[in-house]
Amino acid sequence: MNPALLQAWANTLRRRGGDRAVVQAADGAVVTFRELDARAMAWLRAHVPEPARLQGRAVVFAAANGIGWLEIFLGLLKAGAIVVPLDPAEPPVAQRGLAADLRAAGWWDGAKLVTFPGARCYRDPAVCLIKLTSGTTGRPRALVFTAGQMLADGRQVASTMGLGRTDLNYALIPLGHSYGLGNLTMPLLASGVPLVCGTAPLPHAIAADFARWRPTVFPGVPAMWRALAASDLALPGLRLAISAGAPLPPEVARDFAARFGRRLHSFYGSSETGGITYDRSGAATLAGEVGRAMRGVKLAQLRGARLRVSSAAVLAQGNRRRVGKLGAWIMPDCVNLDARGGVTLLGRRGTTVKIAGRRVNLNEVADRLRRLPGVREAWAGISAGPDPVLGAVVATERTSADLRASLLTDTAGWKIPKRLRVVAALPVTARGKPDTRALQAMAF
């Protein structure tokens, strides 16, 4: 029944019921906390005639940032469902397939709740959310979280970054991503930090939103900061600019500080752990670091430059590692943890990469290409540089345009290679293995 999260929301309603909760910048719609709660109940009554059937069962949904997203999220929590938020860029066919893989009880198709028989029931009443993230096999992994873990992440973010009820959070990153859940959704529900849902991730649209609504906190990704630093625009009202989702090049941090007279603050986290480190002063970001441990988080460097993260927000289901009473997770990234507690990212192990703040598993991309008719073999990689691009080399007689058209039916846009080269056969080394150096050169 998600009692902890719903109790936190009830406390927010008592404190801030009549205050502004969410602004939709695109159309100027505004709701208070009390109105948002009423809209969630109305959505539940209209679309879930038997809420008891969803208790302890997963429900998948995808929607753009806005009042509607929060209506559905809150409505499902009130029904006792386990919410599985997806990126709205996922095609409907892929959304439904993920719901089937999870043995979910339902999938919101954008207009109605589609229900499925034989849904899995989670016995732990504290479980409230499932994040889907790329696994080492290329198949999405289900990360199961309790309300306590989600609330802990929100508290750690808000207390470390100094977010409060006088702030106005600018929501351009998806509310359902781990970054958005910790920095936008949980502070709204549990701490009463209101949101402005941005119009579009374009410099002029961002500047127009700031001119009208004057948000104070902006969690963004490096690509946004790079574009803004190169513009001649203003961000009136901004007091805190946060960068996460991918490593932030120091030159972008320096350009932004010179342009806006305000430092960027790097934030490092993961789906499994929530927030890990934060650069409180912005000085570490200028040097290419990602800051120190957040409040409530303990870090330890292990052999092989691996980082162990321990906190009350860390994934517990399927993870047997613990440090005292805290959950613990060993990150796939290679890092340097210095004597002052500062963390520098050195690179990532494995085949999962981040492009514009989104995780992409290269094995998954290549496997999806191999499954297309007429494809004999495929390889996927990313370009070098601060703004990596996804590319692929495919052995087939089909054209690259034809391959893209096939992928668009059930593959999210960010998982489709921007550089796609068609060849008769993939190059191999003298030992018969894929020649990654030659493939990289061919793709980019």
Protein backbone atom coordinates (compact mmCIF):
# COMPACT_ATOMS: atom_id res chain seq x y z
CA MET A 1 0.00 0.00 0.00
CA ASN A 2 3.08 2.27 -0.03
CA PRO A 3 2.14 3.75 3.39
CA ALA A 4 5.41 5.61 3.94
CA LEU A 5 5.30 7.50 0.67
CA LEU A 6 1.59 8.26 0.94
CA GLN A 7 2.10 9.47 4.52
CA ALA A 8 4.86 11.79 3.34
CA TRP A 9 2.49 13.12 0.68
CA ALA A 10 -0.27 13.57 3.30
CA ASN A 11 2.14 15.62 5.42
CA THR A 12 2.95 17.79 2.40
CA LEU A 13 -0.77 18.34 1.78
CA ARG A 14 -1.28 19.48 5.37
CA ARG A 15 1.63 21.92 5.20
CA ARG A 16 1.23 23.23 1.67
CA GLY A 17 -2.19 22.18 0.37
CA GLY A 18 -3.14 25.59 -1.03
CA ASP A 19 0.29 26.47 -2.42
CA ARG A 20 1.37 26.18 -6.04
CA ALA A 21 2.67 22.66 -6.76
CA VAL A 22 3.15 22.26 -10.53
CA VAL A 23 3.32 24.67 -13.45
CA GLN A 24 3.09 23.50 -17.06
CA ALA A 25 5.16 26.08 -18.90
CA ALA A 26 3.92 25.03 -22.34
CA ASP A 27 0.32 26.10 -21.66
CA GLY A 28 0.58 28.01 -18.36
CA ALA A 29 -1.58 25.52 -16.42
CA VAL A 30 -1.02 25.67 -12.65
CA VAL A 31 -2.26 23.36 -9.88
CA THR A 32 -1.91 23.51 -6.11
CA PHE A 33 -0.87 20.52 -4.02
CA ARG A 34 -4.52 19.96 -3.02
CA GLU A 35 -5.68 20.20 -6.64
CA LEU A 36 -3.00 17.74 -7.74
CA ASP A 37 -4.21 15.27 -5.12
CA ALA A 38 -7.82 15.69 -6.29
CA ARG A 39 -6.80 15.15 -9.92
CA ALA A 40 -4.94 11.96 -8.97
CA MET A 41 -8.07 10.66 -7.24
CA ALA A 42 -10.20 11.61 -10.26
CA TRP A 43 -7.81 9.76 -12.60
CA LEU A 44 -7.97 6.71 -10.33
CA ARG A 45 -11.78 6.69 -10.22
CA ALA A 46 -12.05 7.16 -13.99
CA HIS A 47 -9.54 4.52 -15.06
CA VAL A 48 -9.20 1.96 -12.25
CA PRO A 49 -12.65 0.68 -11.25
CA GLU A 50 -11.16 -2.02 -9.00
CA PRO A 51 -8.00 -0.60 -7.37
CA ALA A 52 -7.61 -3.67 -5.15
CA ARG A 53 -6.62 -5.68 -8.25
CA LEU A 54 -3.50 -3.52 -8.64
CA GLN A 55 -2.25 -3.79 -5.05
CA GLY A 56 1.28 -5.18 -4.95
CA ARG A 57 1.36 -5.48 -8.75
CA ALA A 58 3.33 -3.58 -11.35
CA VAL A 59 1.74 -1.02 -13.69
CA VAL A 60 3.77 0.41 -16.59
CA PHE A 61 3.22 3.92 -17.89
CA ALA A 62 4.95 6.57 -19.98
CA ALA A 63 4.01 10.22 -20.27
CA ALA A 64 5.66 13.57 -20.90
CA ASN A 65 6.58 15.75 -17.93
CA GLY A 66 3.58 17.65 -16.66
CA ILE A 67 0.55 17.60 -14.42
CA GLY A 68 -0.73 14.47 -16.16
CA TRP A 69 2.42 12.49 -15.32
CA LEU A 70 2.04 13.30 -11.63
CA GLU A 71 -1.70 12.50 -11.69
CA ILE A 72 -0.97 8.99 -12.95
CA PHE A 73 2.01 8.44 -10.62
CA LEU A 74 0.05 9.53 -7.54
CA GLY A 75 -3.10 7.71 -8.63
CA LEU A 76 -1.22 4.42 -8.99
CA LEU A 77 0.44 4.87 -5.60
CA LYS A 78 -2.98 5.45 -4.03
CA ALA A 79 -4.16 2.18 -5.61
CA GLY A 80 -1.27 0.36 -3.95
CA ALA A 81 0.33 -0.42 -7.32
CA ILE A 82 4.05 -0.68 -8.00
CA VAL A 83 4.80 2.06 -10.51
CA VAL A 84 7.06 1.37 -13.50
CA PRO A 85 7.71 4.72 -15.24
CA LEU A 86 9.11 4.52 -18.77
CA ASP A 87 10.62 7.14 -21.02
CA PRO A 88 7.85 8.54 -23.26
CA ALA A 89 10.19 8.06 -26.23
CA GLU A 90 9.68 4.29 -25.91
CA PRO A 91 7.33 3.20 -28.74
CA PRO A 92 3.99 1.73 -27.58
CA VAL A 93 4.94 -1.72 -28.90
CA ALA A 94 8.08 -1.68 -26.73
CA GLN A 95 6.11 -0.41 -23.71
CA ARG A 96 3.64 -3.25 -23.96
CA GLY A 97 6.45 -5.76 -24.42
CA LEU A 98 8.19 -4.52 -21.27
CA ALA A 99 4.91 -4.84 -19.36
CA ALA A 100 4.65 -8.46 -20.50
CA ASP A 101 8.26 -9.19 -19.52
CA LEU A 102 7.57 -7.82 -16.03
CA ARG A 103 4.32 -9.77 -15.70
CA ALA A 104 2.68 -6.44 -14.96
CA ALA A 105 -1.00 -6.08 -14.05
CA GLY A 106 -1.47 -3.15 -16.37
CA TRP A 107 -0.10 -0.72 -18.94
CA TRP A 108 -1.31 2.84 -19.46
CA ASP A 109 -1.50 3.24 -23.25
CA GLY A 110 -2.03 7.00 -23.08
CA ALA A 111 -5.83 6.83 -22.99
CA LYS A 112 -6.81 3.82 -20.90
CA LEU A 113 -5.37 1.22 -18.54
CA VAL A 114 -4.85 -2.08 -20.37
CA THR A 115 -4.91 -4.96 -17.86
CA PHE A 116 -3.21 -8.34 -18.12
CA PRO A 117 -4.00 -11.67 -16.41
CA GLY A 118 -1.50 -13.64 -14.34
CA ALA A 119 0.31 -10.63 -12.91
CA ARG A 120 3.09 -11.13 -10.41
CA CYS A 121 2.28 -10.01 -6.85
CA TYR A 122 5.07 -8.50 -4.72
CA ARG A 123 4.58 -9.50 -1.10
CA ASP A 124 6.52 -6.65 0.50
CA PRO A 125 3.95 -3.86 1.05
CA ALA A 126 6.76 -1.27 1.13
CA VAL A 127 7.68 -1.89 -2.53
CA CYS A 128 6.43 1.04 -4.59
CA LEU A 129 8.59 1.46 -7.71
CA ILE A 130 10.50 -0.45 -10.36
CA LYS A 131 13.21 1.21 -12.42
CA LEU A 132 14.23 -0.42 -15.69
CA THR A 133 17.87 -0.12 -16.63
CA SER A 134 20.12 -1.79 -19.19
CA GLY A 135 21.79 -4.95 -17.93
CA THR A 136 25.02 -6.58 -19.04
CA THR A 137 23.08 -8.92 -21.35
CA GLY A 138 21.41 -6.04 -23.16
CA ARG A 139 18.01 -6.93 -21.71
CA PRO A 140 16.43 -4.38 -19.34
CA ARG A 141 16.86 -5.19 -15.64
CA ALA A 142 14.07 -4.56 -13.16
CA LEU A 143 15.33 -2.71 -10.07
CA VAL A 144 12.78 -2.96 -7.26
CA PHE A 145 12.63 -0.17 -4.67
CA THR A 146 10.72 0.42 -1.45
CA ALA A 147 9.10 3.68 -0.44
CA GLY A 148 11.75 4.02 2.27
CA GLN A 149 14.56 3.87 -0.27
CA MET A 150 12.91 6.41 -2.56
CA LEU A 151 12.23 8.78 0.34
CA ALA A 152 15.81 8.39 1.55
CA ASP A 153 17.13 9.39 -1.88
CA GLY A 154 14.85 12.43 -1.97
CA ARG A 155 15.90 13.49 1.54
CA GLN A 156 19.59 13.07 0.74
CA VAL A 157 19.24 15.12 -2.44
CA ALA A 158 17.21 17.90 -0.79
CA SER A 159 19.41 18.20 2.30
CA THR A 160 22.73 18.03 0.43
CA MET A 161 21.69 20.51 -2.26
CA GLY A 162 19.76 22.77 0.11
CA LEU A 163 16.42 22.44 -1.70
CA GLY A 164 13.51 23.99 0.19
CA ARG A 165 9.92 25.13 -0.06
CA THR A 166 10.96 28.57 -1.33
CA ASP A 167 12.62 26.95 -4.37
CA LEU A 168 11.01 26.26 -7.72
CA ASN A 169 12.48 23.22 -9.49
CA TYR A 170 12.81 23.37 -13.30
CA ALA A 171 11.78 19.99 -14.73
CA LEU A 172 13.25 19.25 -18.15
CA ILE A 173 14.82 15.88 -17.34
CA PRO A 174 12.15 13.11 -17.34
CA LEU A 175 10.34 12.82 -14.01
CA GLY A 176 10.48 9.01 -14.19
CA HIS A 177 14.23 8.69 -14.69
CA SER A 178 16.32 8.03 -11.58
CA TYR A 179 17.75 11.57 -11.81
CA GLY A 180 14.28 13.08 -12.10
CA LEU A 181 12.80 10.93 -9.34
CA GLY A 182 15.46 11.99 -6.84
CA ASN A 183 15.77 15.66 -7.81
CA LEU A 184 12.22 16.50 -8.89
CA THR A 185 9.55 13.95 -7.98
CA MET A 186 10.53 13.00 -4.42
CA PRO A 187 11.26 16.61 -3.31
CA LEU A 188 7.81 17.58 -4.62
CA LEU A 189 5.95 14.76 -2.87
CA ALA A 190 7.85 14.57 0.42
CA SER A 191 9.23 18.09 0.89
CA GLY A 192 6.79 20.26 -1.02
CA VAL A 193 9.33 21.67 -3.50
CA PRO A 194 7.18 22.80 -6.48
CA LEU A 195 7.94 22.22 -10.17
CA VAL A 196 7.91 24.12 -13.43
CA CYS A 197 7.70 21.54 -16.22
CA GLY A 198 9.73 23.10 -19.02
CA THR A 199 8.51 23.69 -22.55
CA ALA A 200 11.41 22.11 -24.48
CA PRO A 201 15.16 21.40 -24.00
CA LEU A 202 16.14 24.23 -26.36
CA PRO A 203 18.04 27.35 -25.23
CA HIS A 204 15.41 29.91 -26.32
CA ALA A 205 12.55 27.86 -24.84
CA ILE A 206 14.48 27.51 -21.56
CA ALA A 207 15.19 31.25 -21.44
CA ALA A 208 11.51 32.04 -22.12
CA ASP A 209 10.42 29.73 -19.28
CA PHE A 210 12.87 31.42 -16.91
CA ALA A 211 11.71 34.88 -17.93
CA ARG A 212 8.08 34.01 -17.15
CA TRP A 213 8.30 31.65 -14.16
CA ARG A 214 11.74 32.35 -12.63
CA PRO A 215 12.60 28.85 -11.38
CA THR A 216 15.46 28.78 -8.86
CA VAL A 217 16.88 25.25 -9.31
CA PHE A 218 17.72 23.66 -12.66
CA PRO A 219 18.82 19.99 -12.79
CA GLY A 220 20.17 19.49 -16.30
CA VAL A 221 22.57 17.45 -18.44
CA PRO A 222 25.85 18.52 -20.08
CA ALA A 223 24.32 19.00 -23.54
CA MET A 224 21.93 21.63 -22.12
CA TRP A 225 24.73 23.49 -20.33
CA ARG A 226 26.92 23.46 -23.43
CA ALA A 227 24.14 25.00 -25.55
CA LEU A 228 23.28 27.63 -22.93
CA ALA A 229 26.93 28.58 -22.38
CA ALA A 230 27.26 29.24 -26.13
CA SER A 231 24.13 31.43 -26.21
CA ASP A 232 23.52 35.09 -25.40
CA LEU A 233 20.43 34.28 -23.28
CA ALA A 234 19.62 35.02 -19.63
CA LEU A 235 18.29 32.77 -16.85
CA PRO A 236 16.68 35.18 -14.38
CA GLY A 237 16.01 33.74 -10.93
CA LEU A 238 18.45 30.83 -11.21
CA ARG A 239 20.35 30.18 -7.96
CA LEU A 240 21.45 26.54 -8.43
CA ALA A 241 22.47 24.79 -11.67
CA ILE A 242 23.08 21.02 -11.39
CA SER A 243 24.71 18.80 -14.01
CA ALA A 244 24.34 15.00 -14.11
CA GLY A 245 23.55 12.17 -16.50
CA ALA A 246 27.00 12.18 -18.13
CA PRO A 247 30.47 13.52 -17.34
CA LEU A 248 30.60 17.32 -17.60
CA PRO A 249 33.67 18.61 -19.49
CA PRO A 250 35.52 21.21 -17.36
CA GLU A 251 35.57 23.64 -20.29
CA VAL A 252 31.75 23.64 -20.37
CA ALA A 253 31.68 24.37 -16.63
CA ARG A 254 34.15 27.24 -17.12
CA ASP A 255 32.22 28.65 -20.11
CA PHE A 256 28.94 28.53 -18.19
CA ALA A 257 30.46 30.25 -15.14
CA ALA A 258 31.93 32.99 -17.35
CA ARG A 259 28.66 33.46 -19.24
CA PHE A 260 26.21 33.44 -16.31
CA GLY A 261 28.39 34.37 -13.33
CA ARG A 262 27.27 31.21 -11.56
CA ARG A 263 28.99 27.85 -11.17
CA LEU A 264 27.64 24.49 -12.25
CA HIS A 265 27.47 21.78 -9.58
CA SER A 266 28.22 18.21 -10.68
CA PHE A 267 25.98 15.45 -9.35
CA TYR A 268 26.82 11.76 -9.72
CA GLY A 269 24.39 8.92 -9.15
CA SER A 270 22.93 5.75 -10.61
CA SER A 271 19.63 3.94 -10.91
CA GLU A 272 20.75 1.38 -8.33
CA THR A 273 21.93 3.86 -5.70
CA GLY A 274 20.21 7.19 -6.22
CA GLY A 275 22.50 10.15 -5.53
CA ILE A 276 26.14 9.38 -4.72
CA THR A 277 28.26 12.56 -4.84
CA TYR A 278 27.64 16.29 -5.23
CA ASP A 279 29.96 19.25 -5.72
CA ARG A 280 28.65 21.69 -3.11
CA SER A 281 30.83 24.66 -4.10
CA GLY A 282 31.14 24.11 -7.84
CA ALA A 283 34.94 24.29 -7.59
CA ALA A 284 35.46 20.55 -8.13
CA THR A 285 33.31 20.68 -11.28
CA LEU A 286 35.67 23.23 -12.80
CA ALA A 287 38.48 20.68 -12.31
CA GLY A 288 36.54 17.76 -13.80
CA GLU A 289 35.56 16.09 -10.50
CA VAL A 290 32.06 15.08 -9.36
CA GLY A 291 32.27 16.18 -5.73
CA ARG A 292 32.09 14.36 -2.41
CA ALA A 293 29.64 11.92 -0.84
CA MET A 294 26.14 13.24 -0.28
CA ARG A 295 24.66 13.35 3.20
CA GLY A 296 23.78 9.85 4.34
CA VAL A 297 26.08 8.22 1.75
CA LYS A 298 29.28 6.33 2.57
CA LEU A 299 31.96 5.64 -0.06
CA ALA A 300 34.84 3.17 -0.13
CA GLN A 301 37.31 2.57 -2.96
CA LEU A 302 37.94 -1.10 -3.70
CA ARG A 303 40.54 -2.90 -5.76
CA GLY A 304 40.50 -2.11 -9.45
CA ALA A 305 39.38 1.50 -8.87
CA ARG A 306 35.84 0.31 -8.07
CA LEU A 307 33.58 2.33 -5.78
CA ARG A 308 31.30 0.85 -3.11
CA VAL A 309 28.29 3.04 -2.32
CA SER A 310 26.36 2.56 0.92
CA SER A 311 23.18 4.40 1.93
CA ALA A 312 19.54 3.94 2.90
CA ALA A 313 18.59 4.68 -0.72
CA VAL A 314 20.58 1.82 -2.29
CA LEU A 315 18.76 -1.00 -4.06
CA ALA A 316 18.02 -3.89 -1.69
CA GLN A 317 16.10 -6.41 -3.80
CA GLY A 318 18.47 -8.93 -5.39
CA ASN A 319 21.50 -7.25 -3.84
CA ARG A 320 22.99 -9.13 -0.89
CA ARG A 321 25.73 -6.62 -0.11
CA ARG A 322 25.22 -4.62 3.07
CA VAL A 323 27.34 -2.33 5.21
CA GLY A 324 25.83 -2.35 8.68
CA LYS A 325 22.16 -1.44 8.26
CA LEU A 326 22.74 0.23 4.89
CA GLY A 327 22.35 -1.24 1.43
CA ALA A 328 25.56 -1.30 -0.60
CA TRP A 329 26.31 -1.35 -4.32
CA ILE A 330 29.57 -1.65 -6.26
CA MET A 331 29.60 0.71 -9.21
CA PRO A 332 30.68 -0.35 -12.71
CA ASP A 333 32.58 2.93 -13.10
CA CYS A 334 36.29 3.24 -12.43
CA VAL A 335 36.93 6.15 -10.07
CA ASN A 336 39.57 7.84 -7.98
CA LEU A 337 38.57 8.59 -4.37
CA ASP A 338 41.14 11.01 -2.96
CA ALA A 339 42.14 11.63 0.66
CA ARG A 340 39.65 14.53 0.93
CA GLY A 341 36.77 12.33 -0.21
CA GLY A 342 36.63 13.87 -3.70
CA VAL A 343 35.62 11.58 -6.57
CA THR A 344 36.90 11.71 -10.15
CA LEU A 345 35.40 9.45 -12.82
CA LEU A 346 38.01 7.53 -14.81
CA GLY A 347 35.75 5.65 -17.23
CA ARG A 348 33.19 2.88 -17.30
CA ARG A 349 33.56 -0.86 -17.39
CA GLY A 350 31.38 -3.01 -19.60
CA THR A 351 29.16 -2.09 -22.53
CA THR A 352 26.68 0.32 -20.92
CA VAL A 353 27.34 3.94 -21.84
CA LYS A 354 25.56 7.25 -21.30
CA ILE A 355 24.57 9.45 -24.21
CA ALA A 356 22.86 12.78 -23.39
CA GLY A 357 22.05 11.50 -19.92
CA ARG A 358 20.43 8.23 -21.05
CA ARG A 359 21.91 4.78 -20.53
CA VAL A 360 22.45 2.77 -23.69
CA ASN A 361 23.68 -0.80 -23.71
CA LEU A 362 25.78 -1.37 -26.82
CA ASN A 363 25.06 -5.11 -26.73
CA GLU A 364 21.34 -4.36 -26.76
CA VAL A 365 21.71 -2.04 -29.78
CA ALA A 366 23.75 -4.60 -31.73
CA ASP A 367 21.40 -7.45 -30.79
CA ARG A 368 18.36 -5.45 -31.93
CA LEU A 369 20.05 -4.85 -35.30
CA ARG A 370 20.96 -8.55 -35.66
CA ARG A 371 17.31 -9.52 -35.20
CA LEU A 372 16.21 -7.47 -38.21
CA PRO A 373 15.49 -9.54 -41.35
CA GLY A 374 18.42 -9.65 -43.75
CA VAL A 375 21.04 -8.62 -41.17
CA ARG A 376 23.97 -11.05 -40.89
CA GLU A 377 25.99 -9.27 -38.19
CA ALA A 378 26.12 -5.94 -36.39
CA TRP A 379 28.42 -3.93 -34.14
CA ALA A 380 27.59 -0.82 -32.07
CA GLY A 381 29.85 1.78 -30.48
CA ILE A 382 30.12 5.44 -29.58
CA SER A 383 32.27 8.24 -30.90
CA ALA A 384 35.05 9.81 -28.85
CA GLY A 385 34.74 13.28 -27.33
CA PRO A 386 32.62 15.11 -24.76
CA ASP A 387 29.32 14.63 -26.66
CA PRO A 388 29.38 10.96 -27.79
CA VAL A 389 27.26 9.79 -30.71
CA LEU A 390 25.84 6.27 -31.10
CA GLY A 391 26.96 4.49 -34.25
CA ALA A 392 26.78 1.03 -35.81
CA VAL A 393 28.20 -1.05 -38.64
CA VAL A 394 25.83 -3.64 -40.12
CA ALA A 395 26.51 -6.49 -42.52
CA THR A 396 23.46 -6.57 -44.81
CA GLU A 397 22.16 -5.78 -48.29
CA ARG A 398 19.50 -3.47 -46.82
CA THR A 399 19.98 0.30 -46.80
CA SER A 400 20.62 2.32 -43.65
CA ALA A 401 17.33 4.20 -44.18
CA ASP A 402 15.48 0.90 -44.42
CA LEU A 403 17.09 -0.36 -41.19
CA ARG A 404 16.16 2.85 -39.35
CA ALA A 405 12.56 2.59 -40.52
CA SER A 406 12.36 -0.96 -39.12
CA LEU A 407 13.87 0.08 -35.80
CA LEU A 408 11.43 2.98 -35.36
CA THR A 409 8.48 0.60 -34.93
CA ASP A 410 9.61 -0.70 -31.53
CA THR A 411 12.86 1.02 -30.53
CA ALA A 412 13.27 4.28 -28.61
CA GLY A 413 14.86 7.02 -30.68
CA TRP A 414 17.94 7.38 -28.46
CA LYS A 415 18.73 3.66 -28.99
CA ILE A 416 18.82 4.04 -32.78
CA PRO A 417 22.32 4.77 -34.11
CA LYS A 418 22.77 8.23 -35.59
CA ARG A 419 25.70 6.90 -37.64
CA LEU A 420 24.72 3.67 -39.39
CA ARG A 421 27.04 2.20 -42.01
CA VAL A 422 26.07 -0.76 -44.18
CA VAL A 423 28.81 -3.17 -45.36
CA ALA A 424 29.06 -6.58 -46.97
CA ALA A 425 30.92 -8.08 -44.01
CA LEU A 426 32.30 -6.83 -40.70
CA PRO A 427 36.11 -6.61 -40.51
CA VAL A 428 37.84 -9.17 -38.28
CA THR A 429 41.33 -9.57 -36.84
CA ALA A 430 43.80 -12.29 -37.81
CA ARG A 431 42.31 -14.39 -34.97
CA GLY A 432 38.81 -14.05 -36.40
CA LYS A 433 37.50 -11.64 -33.78
CA PRO A 434 35.71 -8.37 -34.60
CA ASP A 435 38.27 -5.68 -35.41
CA THR A 436 36.98 -2.99 -33.05
CA ARG A 437 39.55 -0.42 -34.18
CA ALA A 438 38.51 -0.82 -37.82
CA LEU A 439 34.82 -0.82 -36.88
CA GLN A 440 35.22 2.37 -34.87
CA ALA A 441 36.88 4.05 -37.84
CA MET A 442 34.16 2.84 -40.22
CA ALA A 443 31.32 4.06 -37.97
CA PHE A 444 32.78 7.47 -37.16
